[in-house]
Amino acid sequence: MATVHIIRPAANGRISLGKHAAGSRKFHAAQDPDGLIILEPFTEIPTREEWLFENKSALSAVNEGLDPSAHGNLTIKATPQSLNLNP
């Protein structure tokens, strides 16, 4: 079940979400005919990175590679030759 909070608007009509908005910078706001307001946190991504989220196999490969590094386990598999760093 959802947690309900009573939030009072300031004199200018603004509502502060305070700790309820921690980690979110943007929200989609929807209001139904009965006046119910729903705020849904969302994140925007640059267009040049959108392909990654549309390509499930590529996203899975990236996540698989990032998971060990999140735990401090790094393995470097690239060589200067594979990165074309040799003149």
Protein backbone atom coordinates (compact mmCIF):
# COMPACT_ATOMS: atom_id res chain seq x y z
CA MET A 1 0.00 0.00 0.00
CA ALA A 2 1.17 3.53 -0.72
CA THR A 3 2.46 5.78 2.03
CA VAL A 4 0.37 8.92 2.43
CA HIS A 5 1.80 12.23 3.64
CA ILE A 6 0.02 15.49 4.35
CA ILE A 7 1.88 18.35 2.74
CA ARG A 8 0.63 21.93 3.06
CA PRO A 9 1.29 24.52 0.37
CA ALA A 10 3.13 27.72 1.26
CA ALA A 11 1.34 31.07 0.98
CA ASN A 12 2.40 31.32 -2.68
CA GLY A 13 0.84 27.91 -3.45
CA ARG A 14 4.11 26.05 -3.81
CA ILE A 15 4.59 22.65 -2.25
CA SER A 16 7.96 21.49 -0.96
CA LEU A 17 8.52 17.77 -1.31
CA GLY A 18 11.64 17.87 0.87
CA LYS A 19 13.02 14.42 1.62
CA HIS A 20 10.27 12.83 -0.47
CA ALA A 21 12.01 14.12 -3.59
CA ALA A 22 15.53 13.03 -2.59
CA GLY A 23 17.41 11.72 -5.62
CA SER A 24 14.86 13.01 -8.14
CA ARG A 25 15.22 16.25 -10.00
CA LYS A 26 12.27 15.99 -12.36
CA PHE A 27 8.75 14.67 -12.12
CA HIS A 28 5.93 13.98 -14.53
CA ALA A 29 2.83 15.54 -12.98
CA ALA A 30 -0.64 14.26 -13.78
CA GLN A 31 -3.98 15.39 -12.41
CA ASP A 32 -7.13 13.35 -12.82
CA PRO A 33 -10.65 14.82 -13.16
CA ASP A 34 -11.23 14.46 -9.40
CA GLY A 35 -8.15 16.58 -8.62
CA LEU A 36 -5.83 13.74 -7.60
CA ILE A 37 -2.25 14.75 -8.42
CA ILE A 38 0.31 12.06 -9.18
CA LEU A 39 4.03 12.86 -9.33
CA GLU A 40 6.24 10.29 -11.02
CA PRO A 41 10.03 10.74 -10.79
CA PHE A 42 11.85 10.36 -14.07
CA THR A 43 15.32 10.64 -15.57
CA GLU A 44 16.23 11.97 -18.98
CA ILE A 45 19.04 10.50 -21.05
CA PRO A 46 20.90 12.09 -23.95
CA THR A 47 19.64 11.08 -27.41
CA ARG A 48 23.08 9.70 -28.30
CA GLU A 49 22.76 7.17 -25.42
CA GLU A 50 19.15 6.16 -26.09
CA TRP A 51 20.21 3.28 -28.36
CA LEU A 52 21.76 1.50 -25.39
CA PHE A 53 18.47 1.35 -23.50
CA GLU A 54 16.65 0.16 -26.63
CA ASN A 55 19.21 -2.61 -27.29
CA LYS A 56 18.61 -5.11 -24.47
CA SER A 57 21.60 -7.27 -25.34
CA ALA A 58 24.00 -4.30 -25.32
CA LEU A 59 22.52 -3.01 -22.06
CA SER A 60 22.90 -6.45 -20.51
CA ALA A 61 26.56 -6.58 -21.60
CA VAL A 62 27.23 -3.13 -20.11
CA ASN A 63 25.52 -4.06 -16.84
CA GLU A 64 27.45 -7.33 -16.71
CA GLY A 65 30.68 -5.39 -17.10
CA LEU A 66 29.73 -2.77 -14.51
CA ASP A 67 28.55 -5.19 -11.83
CA PRO A 68 32.04 -6.43 -10.80
CA SER A 69 33.43 -2.89 -10.81
CA ALA A 70 30.67 -1.80 -8.42
CA HIS A 71 32.18 -4.28 -5.96
CA GLY A 72 35.77 -3.18 -6.58
CA ASN A 73 36.66 -6.13 -8.83
CA LEU A 74 38.33 -4.80 -11.95
CA THR A 75 39.89 -6.79 -14.76
CA ILE A 76 41.45 -4.94 -17.69
CA LYS A 77 41.20 -6.95 -20.89
CA ALA A 78 42.20 -4.25 -23.34
CA THR A 79 45.71 -3.95 -24.70
CA PRO A 80 47.33 -0.94 -26.34
CA GLN A 81 47.01 -2.79 -29.66
CA SER A 82 43.28 -3.47 -29.23
CA LEU A 83 42.73 0.20 -28.42
CA ASN A 84 44.86 1.32 -31.38
CA LEU A 85 47.18 3.27 -29.09
CA ASN A 86 50.40 2.24 -30.84
CA PRO A 87 51.65 4.73 -33.46
